[in-house]
Amino acid sequence: MYGAGELTTGNFVSHLLIERFNGRLPCHIGDGNDVQSFSHVDDVVSGHIAAMEKGRVDERYLLTGENASLLQMFNLDANITNTNPPRFRLPLWFLEIYGWVSVFVARITGEPPVISYPVVRYLRHQWAYSCDKARRELGYSPRSLTEGLAETLLWLKNDKLIKFKSSMLVSFCLFI
């Protein structure tokens, strides 16, 4: 899940955007083919409410969003903000080693790790899911990744967590 709200360790997408726009992540992660479902937090909340009101007993509903790779996400955020996308990739095997080192350093310093090896293992999997059943039975209608990223980027910028020229983003948000 991603979107405006408390910036917890679970808000991985926002953390990636913060690192990217503050120059600490000048690359995309993995080979670009690792797909996951990007679910906006507000859509998931609406889906839970719809499940309480319209859902059938003993049924399960996947409240997912748009399926995309991190490479696609970074290209979208570059398009939304009129910035350059990351130019090279960081292989997952390298990131996993860095995750082990990060956890080791965190145990010594008491600070949270930058990234942990379990997070990298998570990134190795394909997490594409369909919310078709929730759409049909609950009227669930998740926003596009483009729309959700534009909202998230604006929130991060307004909270002064990232920097970029905002004229493009404001007009983009007004357009969608």
N, C-alpha and C. Protein backbone atom coordinates (compact mmCIF):
# COMPACT_ATOMS: atom_id res chain seq x y z
N MET A 1 0.84 -1.19 0.00
CA MET A 1 0.00 0.00 0.00
C MET A 1 0.88 1.25 0.00
N TYR A 2 0.33 2.30 -0.52
CA TYR A 2 1.04 3.57 -0.56
C TYR A 2 0.01 4.69 -0.45
N GLY A 3 0.49 5.88 -0.19
CA GLY A 3 -0.38 7.04 -0.12
C GLY A 3 -0.05 7.90 1.08
N ALA A 4 -0.76 9.02 1.17
CA ALA A 4 -0.53 9.97 2.26
C ALA A 4 -0.95 9.37 3.59
N GLY A 5 -0.24 9.75 4.62
CA GLY A 5 -0.54 9.27 5.96
C GLY A 5 0.74 9.16 6.76
N GLU A 6 0.67 8.41 7.82
CA GLU A 6 1.85 8.25 8.65
C GLU A 6 2.95 7.54 7.86
N LEU A 7 4.15 8.04 7.97
CA LEU A 7 5.28 7.49 7.23
C LEU A 7 5.92 6.37 8.05
N THR A 8 5.33 5.18 7.94
CA THR A 8 5.83 4.02 8.67
C THR A 8 6.80 3.23 7.80
N THR A 9 7.43 2.23 8.39
CA THR A 9 8.33 1.38 7.61
C THR A 9 7.56 0.59 6.55
N GLY A 10 6.27 0.39 6.76
CA GLY A 10 5.46 -0.33 5.79
C GLY A 10 5.12 0.47 4.55
N ASN A 11 5.32 1.78 4.60
CA ASN A 11 5.03 2.63 3.45
C ASN A 11 6.26 2.65 2.54
N PHE A 12 6.58 1.50 1.99
CA PHE A 12 7.80 1.27 1.22
C PHE A 12 7.87 2.18 -0.01
N VAL A 13 6.75 2.37 -0.68
CA VAL A 13 6.74 3.20 -1.89
C VAL A 13 7.13 4.64 -1.55
N SER A 14 6.56 5.18 -0.48
CA SER A 14 6.92 6.55 -0.09
C SER A 14 8.39 6.65 0.28
N HIS A 15 8.90 5.65 0.97
CA HIS A 15 10.33 5.65 1.31
C HIS A 15 11.19 5.62 0.04
N LEU A 16 10.80 4.82 -0.95
CA LEU A 16 11.54 4.79 -2.21
C LEU A 16 11.52 6.16 -2.89
N LEU A 17 10.35 6.79 -2.89
CA LEU A 17 10.24 8.11 -3.51
C LEU A 17 11.09 9.14 -2.77
N ILE A 18 11.10 9.09 -1.46
CA ILE A 18 11.92 10.01 -0.67
C ILE A 18 13.39 9.82 -1.00
N GLU A 19 13.83 8.56 -1.05
CA GLU A 19 15.23 8.28 -1.36
C GLU A 19 15.58 8.75 -2.77
N ARG A 20 14.68 8.48 -3.72
CA ARG A 20 14.94 8.87 -5.11
C ARG A 20 15.02 10.39 -5.27
N PHE A 21 14.05 11.11 -4.72
CA PHE A 21 14.01 12.56 -4.93
C PHE A 21 15.01 13.32 -4.06
N ASN A 22 15.61 12.66 -3.10
CA ASN A 22 16.66 13.29 -2.31
C ASN A 22 18.05 12.83 -2.75
N GLY A 23 18.12 12.16 -3.90
CA GLY A 23 19.39 11.81 -4.52
C GLY A 23 20.11 10.61 -3.93
N ARG A 24 19.45 9.88 -3.05
CA ARG A 24 20.10 8.72 -2.43
C ARG A 24 19.76 7.41 -3.14
N LEU A 25 18.90 7.48 -4.15
CA LEU A 25 18.57 6.29 -4.94
C LEU A 25 18.54 6.70 -6.41
N PRO A 26 19.73 6.79 -7.03
CA PRO A 26 19.79 7.25 -8.42
C PRO A 26 19.55 6.13 -9.44
N CYS A 27 18.98 5.03 -8.99
CA CYS A 27 18.80 3.88 -9.88
C CYS A 27 17.45 3.23 -9.59
N HIS A 28 17.05 2.33 -10.46
CA HIS A 28 15.87 1.55 -10.15
C HIS A 28 16.32 0.20 -9.61
N ILE A 29 15.43 -0.47 -8.94
CA ILE A 29 15.78 -1.68 -8.21
C ILE A 29 15.36 -2.91 -9.02
N GLY A 30 16.27 -3.87 -9.13
CA GLY A 30 15.97 -5.11 -9.83
C GLY A 30 16.10 -4.96 -11.33
N ASP A 31 15.59 -5.96 -12.04
CA ASP A 31 15.74 -5.95 -13.50
C ASP A 31 14.60 -5.24 -14.22
N GLY A 32 13.63 -4.76 -13.47
CA GLY A 32 12.52 -4.03 -14.09
C GLY A 32 11.34 -4.90 -14.42
N ASN A 33 11.46 -6.20 -14.22
CA ASN A 33 10.37 -7.11 -14.55
C ASN A 33 9.64 -7.64 -13.32
N ASP A 34 10.05 -7.23 -12.14
CA ASP A 34 9.43 -7.69 -10.91
C ASP A 34 8.16 -6.87 -10.68
N VAL A 35 7.01 -7.51 -10.82
CA VAL A 35 5.73 -6.81 -10.78
C VAL A 35 5.10 -6.95 -9.40
N GLN A 36 4.50 -5.85 -8.97
CA GLN A 36 3.73 -5.89 -7.73
C GLN A 36 2.46 -5.10 -7.92
N SER A 37 1.53 -5.29 -7.01
CA SER A 37 0.27 -4.57 -7.07
C SER A 37 0.37 -3.35 -6.16
N PHE A 38 0.17 -2.18 -6.73
CA PHE A 38 0.24 -0.93 -5.99
C PHE A 38 -1.17 -0.54 -5.55
N SER A 39 -1.44 -0.65 -4.26
CA SER A 39 -2.76 -0.36 -3.72
C SER A 39 -2.72 0.94 -2.93
N HIS A 40 -3.50 1.91 -3.33
CA HIS A 40 -3.56 3.19 -2.62
C HIS A 40 -4.35 2.99 -1.32
N VAL A 41 -3.84 3.55 -0.24
CA VAL A 41 -4.43 3.35 1.08
C VAL A 41 -5.90 3.79 1.12
N ASP A 42 -6.25 4.88 0.48
CA ASP A 42 -7.63 5.34 0.48
C ASP A 42 -8.55 4.37 -0.25
N ASP A 43 -8.06 3.74 -1.31
CA ASP A 43 -8.85 2.75 -2.03
C ASP A 43 -9.09 1.52 -1.18
N VAL A 44 -8.07 1.11 -0.44
CA VAL A 44 -8.20 -0.07 0.42
C VAL A 44 -9.21 0.21 1.54
N VAL A 45 -9.17 1.41 2.10
CA VAL A 45 -10.16 1.78 3.13
C VAL A 45 -11.57 1.72 2.54
N SER A 46 -11.74 2.30 1.35
CA SER A 46 -13.06 2.27 0.70
C SER A 46 -13.49 0.84 0.42
N GLY A 47 -12.53 0.00 0.03
CA GLY A 47 -12.83 -1.41 -0.23
C GLY A 47 -13.28 -2.14 1.02
N HIS A 48 -12.67 -1.83 2.16
CA HIS A 48 -13.09 -2.46 3.42
C HIS A 48 -14.51 -2.04 3.80
N ILE A 49 -14.80 -0.78 3.61
CA ILE A 49 -16.15 -0.29 3.91
C ILE A 49 -17.16 -0.97 2.98
N ALA A 50 -16.83 -1.07 1.70
CA ALA A 50 -17.72 -1.73 0.74
C ALA A 50 -17.90 -3.20 1.09
N ALA A 51 -16.84 -3.85 1.57
CA ALA A 51 -16.94 -5.26 1.96
C ALA A 51 -17.88 -5.43 3.15
N MET A 52 -17.83 -4.48 4.09
CA MET A 52 -18.74 -4.55 5.24
C MET A 52 -20.19 -4.36 4.81
N GLU A 53 -20.40 -3.49 3.82
CA GLU A 53 -21.76 -3.17 3.39
C GLU A 53 -22.31 -4.15 2.35
N LYS A 54 -21.47 -4.59 1.41
CA LYS A 54 -21.95 -5.39 0.28
C LYS A 54 -21.37 -6.80 0.21
N GLY A 55 -20.32 -7.04 0.96
CA GLY A 55 -19.64 -8.33 0.86
C GLY A 55 -20.47 -9.49 1.36
N ARG A 56 -20.21 -10.64 0.79
CA ARG A 56 -20.91 -11.86 1.20
C ARG A 56 -20.14 -12.54 2.32
N VAL A 57 -20.85 -13.13 3.25
CA VAL A 57 -20.24 -13.84 4.38
C VAL A 57 -19.34 -14.95 3.86
N ASP A 58 -18.20 -15.12 4.48
CA ASP A 58 -17.20 -16.16 4.17
C ASP A 58 -16.54 -15.98 2.80
N GLU A 59 -16.69 -14.84 2.20
CA GLU A 59 -16.00 -14.55 0.94
C GLU A 59 -14.76 -13.71 1.22
N ARG A 60 -13.81 -13.79 0.32
CA ARG A 60 -12.59 -12.99 0.41
C ARG A 60 -12.47 -12.12 -0.83
N TYR A 61 -11.97 -10.91 -0.61
CA TYR A 61 -11.83 -9.95 -1.69
C TYR A 61 -10.42 -9.38 -1.67
N LEU A 62 -9.78 -9.37 -2.82
CA LEU A 62 -8.46 -8.76 -2.93
C LEU A 62 -8.63 -7.29 -3.28
N LEU A 63 -8.18 -6.44 -2.38
CA LEU A 63 -8.29 -5.00 -2.58
C LEU A 63 -6.95 -4.49 -3.09
N THR A 64 -6.68 -4.85 -4.32
CA THR A 64 -5.39 -4.52 -4.93
C THR A 64 -5.54 -3.29 -5.83
N GLY A 65 -4.43 -2.92 -6.41
CA GLY A 65 -4.43 -1.78 -7.33
C GLY A 65 -3.81 -2.18 -8.64
N GLU A 66 -3.18 -1.22 -9.27
CA GLU A 66 -2.55 -1.45 -10.57
C GLU A 66 -1.28 -2.28 -10.42
N ASN A 67 -1.11 -3.25 -11.29
CA ASN A 67 0.10 -4.07 -11.31
C ASN A 67 1.15 -3.39 -12.18
N ALA A 68 2.35 -3.20 -11.60
CA ALA A 68 3.44 -2.55 -12.33
C ALA A 68 4.76 -2.93 -11.68
N SER A 69 5.84 -2.69 -12.39
CA SER A 69 7.17 -2.93 -11.84
C SER A 69 7.68 -1.64 -11.19
N LEU A 70 8.71 -1.76 -10.39
CA LEU A 70 9.33 -0.57 -9.81
C LEU A 70 9.90 0.32 -10.90
N LEU A 71 10.40 -0.29 -11.97
CA LEU A 71 10.89 0.50 -13.10
C LEU A 71 9.76 1.34 -13.69
N GLN A 72 8.60 0.75 -13.88
CA GLN A 72 7.45 1.49 -14.40
C GLN A 72 7.04 2.60 -13.43
N MET A 73 7.08 2.30 -12.11
CA MET A 73 6.73 3.29 -11.12
C MET A 73 7.68 4.49 -11.18
N PHE A 74 8.99 4.21 -11.27
CA PHE A 74 9.98 5.29 -11.34
C PHE A 74 9.82 6.10 -12.63
N ASN A 75 9.50 5.44 -13.72
CA ASN A 75 9.27 6.17 -14.98
C ASN A 75 8.01 7.04 -14.88
N LEU A 76 6.98 6.53 -14.21
CA LEU A 76 5.77 7.32 -14.01
C LEU A 76 6.03 8.54 -13.14
N ASP A 77 6.77 8.35 -12.03
CA ASP A 77 7.01 9.50 -11.16
C ASP A 77 7.89 10.54 -11.85
N ALA A 78 8.78 10.09 -12.72
CA ALA A 78 9.60 11.03 -13.50
C ALA A 78 8.71 11.82 -14.46
N ASN A 79 7.77 11.15 -15.09
CA ASN A 79 6.85 11.81 -16.01
C ASN A 79 5.96 12.81 -15.28
N ILE A 80 5.46 12.41 -14.11
CA ILE A 80 4.57 13.27 -13.33
C ILE A 80 5.29 14.54 -12.87
N THR A 81 6.56 14.40 -12.47
CA THR A 81 7.30 15.53 -11.90
C THR A 81 8.20 16.23 -12.90
N ASN A 82 8.20 15.74 -14.13
CA ASN A 82 9.05 16.31 -15.18
C ASN A 82 10.53 16.28 -14.77
N THR A 83 10.93 15.14 -14.21
CA THR A 83 12.33 14.93 -13.83
C THR A 83 12.87 13.75 -14.63
N ASN A 84 14.16 13.52 -14.53
CA ASN A 84 14.76 12.38 -15.23
C ASN A 84 14.55 11.11 -14.43
N PRO A 85 14.18 10.02 -15.11
CA PRO A 85 14.06 8.75 -14.39
C PRO A 85 15.45 8.21 -14.05
N PRO A 86 15.51 7.27 -13.12
CA PRO A 86 16.80 6.63 -12.84
C PRO A 86 17.38 6.02 -14.11
N ARG A 87 18.71 6.11 -14.25
CA ARG A 87 19.34 5.70 -15.51
C ARG A 87 19.94 4.30 -15.48
N PHE A 88 20.22 3.78 -14.31
CA PHE A 88 20.78 2.44 -14.25
C PHE A 88 20.08 1.63 -13.17
N ARG A 89 20.36 0.35 -13.13
CA ARG A 89 19.66 -0.52 -12.19
C ARG A 89 20.59 -1.03 -11.10
N LEU A 90 20.02 -1.33 -9.97
CA LEU A 90 20.73 -1.90 -8.84
C LEU A 90 20.26 -3.35 -8.73
N PRO A 91 21.16 -4.31 -9.02
CA PRO A 91 20.74 -5.72 -8.97
C PRO A 91 20.30 -6.13 -7.57
N LEU A 92 19.31 -6.99 -7.51
CA LEU A 92 18.79 -7.42 -6.21
C LEU A 92 19.83 -8.18 -5.39
N TRP A 93 20.73 -8.92 -6.05
CA TRP A 93 21.74 -9.65 -5.28
C TRP A 93 22.65 -8.67 -4.52
N PHE A 94 22.96 -7.54 -5.14
CA PHE A 94 23.78 -6.53 -4.47
C PHE A 94 23.01 -5.88 -3.33
N LEU A 95 21.74 -5.60 -3.58
CA LEU A 95 20.90 -4.98 -2.56
C LEU A 95 20.71 -5.91 -1.36
N GLU A 96 20.64 -7.21 -1.62
CA GLU A 96 20.48 -8.16 -0.51
C GLU A 96 21.73 -8.16 0.37
N ILE A 97 22.90 -8.11 -0.23
CA ILE A 97 24.15 -8.03 0.55
C ILE A 97 24.15 -6.74 1.38
N TYR A 98 23.76 -5.65 0.74
CA TYR A 98 23.67 -4.38 1.45
C TYR A 98 22.66 -4.47 2.60
N GLY A 99 21.58 -5.19 2.39
CA GLY A 99 20.57 -5.38 3.44
C GLY A 99 21.14 -6.11 4.65
N TRP A 100 21.95 -7.14 4.41
CA TRP A 100 22.60 -7.86 5.52
C TRP A 100 23.52 -6.91 6.29
N VAL A 101 24.32 -6.15 5.57
CA VAL A 101 25.24 -5.20 6.21
C VAL A 101 24.45 -4.14 6.97
N SER A 102 23.37 -3.66 6.39
CA SER A 102 22.53 -2.64 7.01
C SER A 102 21.95 -3.14 8.34
N VAL A 103 21.49 -4.37 8.35
CA VAL A 103 20.94 -4.95 9.58
C VAL A 103 22.03 -5.09 10.64
N PHE A 104 23.21 -5.52 10.23
CA PHE A 104 24.34 -5.66 11.15
C PHE A 104 24.70 -4.31 11.77
N VAL A 105 24.81 -3.29 10.95
CA VAL A 105 25.13 -1.94 11.44
C VAL A 105 24.02 -1.43 12.35
N ALA A 106 22.77 -1.71 12.01
CA ALA A 106 21.64 -1.28 12.82
C ALA A 106 21.69 -1.89 14.22
N ARG A 107 22.11 -3.13 14.31
CA ARG A 107 22.21 -3.78 15.63
C ARG A 107 23.28 -3.13 16.49
N ILE A 108 24.31 -2.62 15.87
CA ILE A 108 25.39 -1.95 16.61
C ILE A 108 24.98 -0.53 17.01
N THR A 109 24.39 0.20 16.06
CA THR A 109 24.08 1.61 16.30
C THR A 109 22.73 1.85 16.97
N GLY A 110 21.83 0.88 16.87
CA GLY A 110 20.48 1.06 17.41
C GLY A 110 19.56 1.82 16.47
N GLU A 111 20.07 2.27 15.33
CA GLU A 111 19.27 2.95 14.32
C GLU A 111 18.61 1.91 13.40
N PRO A 112 17.45 2.22 12.84
CA PRO A 112 16.83 1.26 11.92
C PRO A 112 17.68 1.08 10.66
N PRO A 113 17.66 -0.12 10.07
CA PRO A 113 18.44 -0.33 8.84
C PRO A 113 17.85 0.44 7.67
N VAL A 114 18.71 0.82 6.75
CA VAL A 114 18.25 1.49 5.55
C VAL A 114 17.34 0.56 4.76
N ILE A 115 17.77 -0.67 4.61
CA ILE A 115 16.96 -1.73 3.99
C ILE A 115 17.42 -3.04 4.60
N SER A 116 16.53 -3.98 4.71
CA SER A 116 16.89 -5.27 5.28
C SER A 116 16.80 -6.36 4.22
N TYR A 117 17.50 -7.45 4.46
CA TYR A 117 17.48 -8.55 3.49
C TYR A 117 16.09 -9.16 3.32
N PRO A 118 15.21 -9.21 4.37
CA PRO A 118 13.86 -9.72 4.10
C PRO A 118 13.08 -8.84 3.12
N VAL A 119 13.30 -7.53 3.15
CA VAL A 119 12.63 -6.64 2.19
C VAL A 119 13.08 -6.97 0.77
N VAL A 120 14.37 -7.24 0.61
CA VAL A 120 14.89 -7.57 -0.72
C VAL A 120 14.31 -8.90 -1.18
N ARG A 121 14.17 -9.84 -0.28
CA ARG A 121 13.56 -11.14 -0.65
C ARG A 121 12.12 -10.93 -1.09
N TYR A 122 11.43 -10.00 -0.44
CA TYR A 122 10.07 -9.64 -0.84
C TYR A 122 10.07 -9.12 -2.28
N LEU A 123 11.06 -8.30 -2.61
CA LEU A 123 11.13 -7.70 -3.95
C LEU A 123 11.40 -8.73 -5.05
N ARG A 124 11.92 -9.89 -4.68
CA ARG A 124 12.22 -10.93 -5.67
C ARG A 124 10.97 -11.63 -6.19
N HIS A 125 9.88 -11.49 -5.52
CA HIS A 125 8.65 -12.20 -5.89
C HIS A 125 7.78 -11.37 -6.82
N GLN A 126 6.94 -12.05 -7.55
CA GLN A 126 5.94 -11.40 -8.38
C GLN A 126 4.68 -11.26 -7.53
N TRP A 127 4.21 -10.04 -7.36
CA TRP A 127 3.07 -9.76 -6.50
C TRP A 127 1.92 -9.14 -7.29
N ALA A 128 1.70 -9.60 -8.49
CA ALA A 128 0.60 -9.09 -9.30
C ALA A 128 -0.68 -9.85 -8.94
N TYR A 129 -1.73 -9.09 -8.65
CA TYR A 129 -3.01 -9.69 -8.27
C TYR A 129 -4.14 -8.99 -9.00
N SER A 130 -5.27 -9.65 -9.03
CA SER A 130 -6.45 -9.10 -9.68
C SER A 130 -7.51 -8.76 -8.63
N CYS A 131 -8.14 -7.62 -8.79
CA CYS A 131 -9.23 -7.23 -7.89
C CYS A 131 -10.58 -7.34 -8.60
N ASP A 132 -10.63 -8.16 -9.66
CA ASP A 132 -11.86 -8.26 -10.46
C ASP A 132 -13.09 -8.64 -9.64
N LYS A 133 -12.92 -9.59 -8.71
CA LYS A 133 -14.05 -10.01 -7.87
C LYS A 133 -14.53 -8.84 -7.01
N ALA A 134 -13.61 -8.09 -6.42
CA ALA A 134 -14.00 -6.93 -5.60
C ALA A 134 -14.67 -5.87 -6.47
N ARG A 135 -14.21 -5.71 -7.69
CA ARG A 135 -14.85 -4.76 -8.61
C ARG A 135 -16.31 -5.16 -8.88
N ARG A 136 -16.48 -6.45 -9.21
CA ARG A 136 -17.82 -6.96 -9.55
C ARG A 136 -18.77 -6.91 -8.36
N GLU A 137 -18.32 -7.45 -7.23
CA GLU A 137 -19.24 -7.65 -6.11
C GLU A 137 -19.33 -6.47 -5.15
N LEU A 138 -18.29 -5.67 -5.07
CA LEU A 138 -18.28 -4.57 -4.10
C LEU A 138 -18.34 -3.19 -4.75
N GLY A 139 -18.14 -3.15 -6.07
CA GLY A 139 -18.05 -1.85 -6.73
C GLY A 139 -16.71 -1.18 -6.47
N TYR A 140 -15.72 -1.98 -6.10
CA TYR A 140 -14.38 -1.48 -5.79
C TYR A 140 -13.77 -0.90 -7.06
N SER A 141 -13.23 0.31 -6.94
CA SER A 141 -12.68 0.99 -8.11
C SER A 141 -11.38 1.69 -7.72
N PRO A 142 -10.26 0.97 -7.76
CA PRO A 142 -9.00 1.59 -7.36
C PRO A 142 -8.52 2.61 -8.39
N ARG A 143 -7.87 3.64 -7.90
CA ARG A 143 -7.32 4.67 -8.78
C ARG A 143 -6.13 4.11 -9.54
N SER A 144 -5.78 4.76 -10.62
CA SER A 144 -4.61 4.34 -11.41
C SER A 144 -3.35 4.66 -10.61
N LEU A 145 -2.28 3.98 -10.94
CA LEU A 145 -1.00 4.25 -10.29
C LEU A 145 -0.56 5.68 -10.58
N THR A 146 -0.82 6.17 -11.76
CA THR A 146 -0.46 7.54 -12.11
C THR A 146 -1.16 8.53 -11.18
N GLU A 147 -2.46 8.38 -11.01
CA GLU A 147 -3.22 9.27 -10.14
C GLU A 147 -2.75 9.16 -8.69
N GLY A 148 -2.57 7.94 -8.21
CA GLY A 148 -2.13 7.74 -6.83
C GLY A 148 -0.73 8.27 -6.57
N LEU A 149 0.17 8.08 -7.54
CA LEU A 149 1.53 8.60 -7.38
C LEU A 149 1.53 10.13 -7.37
N ALA A 150 0.72 10.73 -8.22
CA ALA A 150 0.64 12.20 -8.25
C ALA A 150 0.20 12.73 -6.88
N GLU A 151 -0.80 12.10 -6.29
CA GLU A 151 -1.28 12.51 -4.96
C GLU A 151 -0.19 12.30 -3.90
N THR A 152 0.48 11.16 -3.97
CA THR A 152 1.52 10.83 -3.00
C THR A 152 2.70 11.78 -3.13
N LEU A 153 3.11 12.06 -4.34
CA LEU A 153 4.23 12.98 -4.56
C LEU A 153 3.90 14.38 -4.05
N LEU A 154 2.67 14.82 -4.26
CA LEU A 154 2.26 16.13 -3.77
C LEU A 154 2.28 16.16 -2.23
N TRP A 155 1.81 15.10 -1.60
CA TRP A 155 1.84 15.00 -0.14
C TRP A 155 3.29 15.05 0.37
N LEU A 156 4.17 14.26 -0.24
CA LEU A 156 5.58 14.25 0.19
C LEU A 156 6.23 15.61 0.00
N LYS A 157 5.90 16.28 -1.10
CA LYS A 157 6.46 17.62 -1.36
C LYS A 157 5.92 18.63 -0.36
N ASN A 158 4.61 18.60 -0.10
CA ASN A 158 4.01 19.54 0.84
C ASN A 158 4.54 19.34 2.26
N ASP A 159 4.89 18.11 2.61
CA ASP A 159 5.47 17.82 3.92
C ASP A 159 6.99 18.02 3.93
N LYS A 160 7.51 18.55 2.83
CA LYS A 160 8.94 18.87 2.68
C LYS A 160 9.85 17.65 2.85
N LEU A 161 9.36 16.50 2.40
CA LEU A 161 10.15 15.27 2.43
C LEU A 161 10.88 15.04 1.12
N ILE A 162 10.40 15.68 0.05
CA ILE A 162 11.06 15.61 -1.25
C ILE A 162 11.04 17.00 -1.88
N LYS A 163 11.91 17.19 -2.88
CA LYS A 163 11.98 18.47 -3.58
C LYS A 163 11.99 18.24 -5.08
N PHE A 164 11.25 19.06 -5.78
CA PHE A 164 11.28 19.16 -7.23
C PHE A 164 10.40 20.34 -7.58
N LYS A 165 10.54 20.85 -8.79
CA LYS A 165 9.69 21.97 -9.22
C LYS A 165 8.27 21.47 -9.35
N SER A 166 7.34 22.14 -8.72
CA SER A 166 5.99 21.59 -8.62
C SER A 166 5.01 22.05 -9.68
N SER A 167 5.37 22.96 -10.56
CA SER A 167 4.39 23.47 -11.53
C SER A 167 3.81 22.35 -12.38
N MET A 168 4.65 21.40 -12.79
CA MET A 168 4.18 20.28 -13.60
C MET A 168 3.23 19.40 -12.78
N LEU A 169 3.57 19.13 -11.52
CA LEU A 169 2.76 18.25 -10.69
C LEU A 169 1.41 18.86 -10.40
N VAL A 170 1.36 20.13 -10.07
CA VAL A 170 0.10 20.78 -9.76
C VAL A 170 -0.83 20.73 -10.97
N SER A 171 -0.31 21.05 -12.15
CA SER A 171 -1.14 20.99 -13.35
C SER A 171 -1.53 19.54 -13.66
N PHE A 172 -0.65 18.59 -13.37
CA PHE A 172 -0.95 17.18 -13.59
C PHE A 172 -2.10 16.74 -12.68
N CYS A 173 -2.04 17.13 -11.39
CA CYS A 173 -3.08 16.77 -10.44
C CYS A 173 -4.42 17.40 -10.82
N LEU A 174 -4.39 18.61 -11.33
CA LEU A 174 -5.63 19.26 -11.76
C LEU A 174 -6.22 18.55 -12.97
N PHE A 175 -5.34 18.01 -13.82
CA PHE A 175 -5.78 17.32 -15.03
C PHE A 175 -6.48 16.01 -14.69
N ILE A 176 -5.95 15.24 -13.72
CA ILE A 176 -6.54 13.96 -13.38
C ILE A 176 -7.64 14.18 -12.40
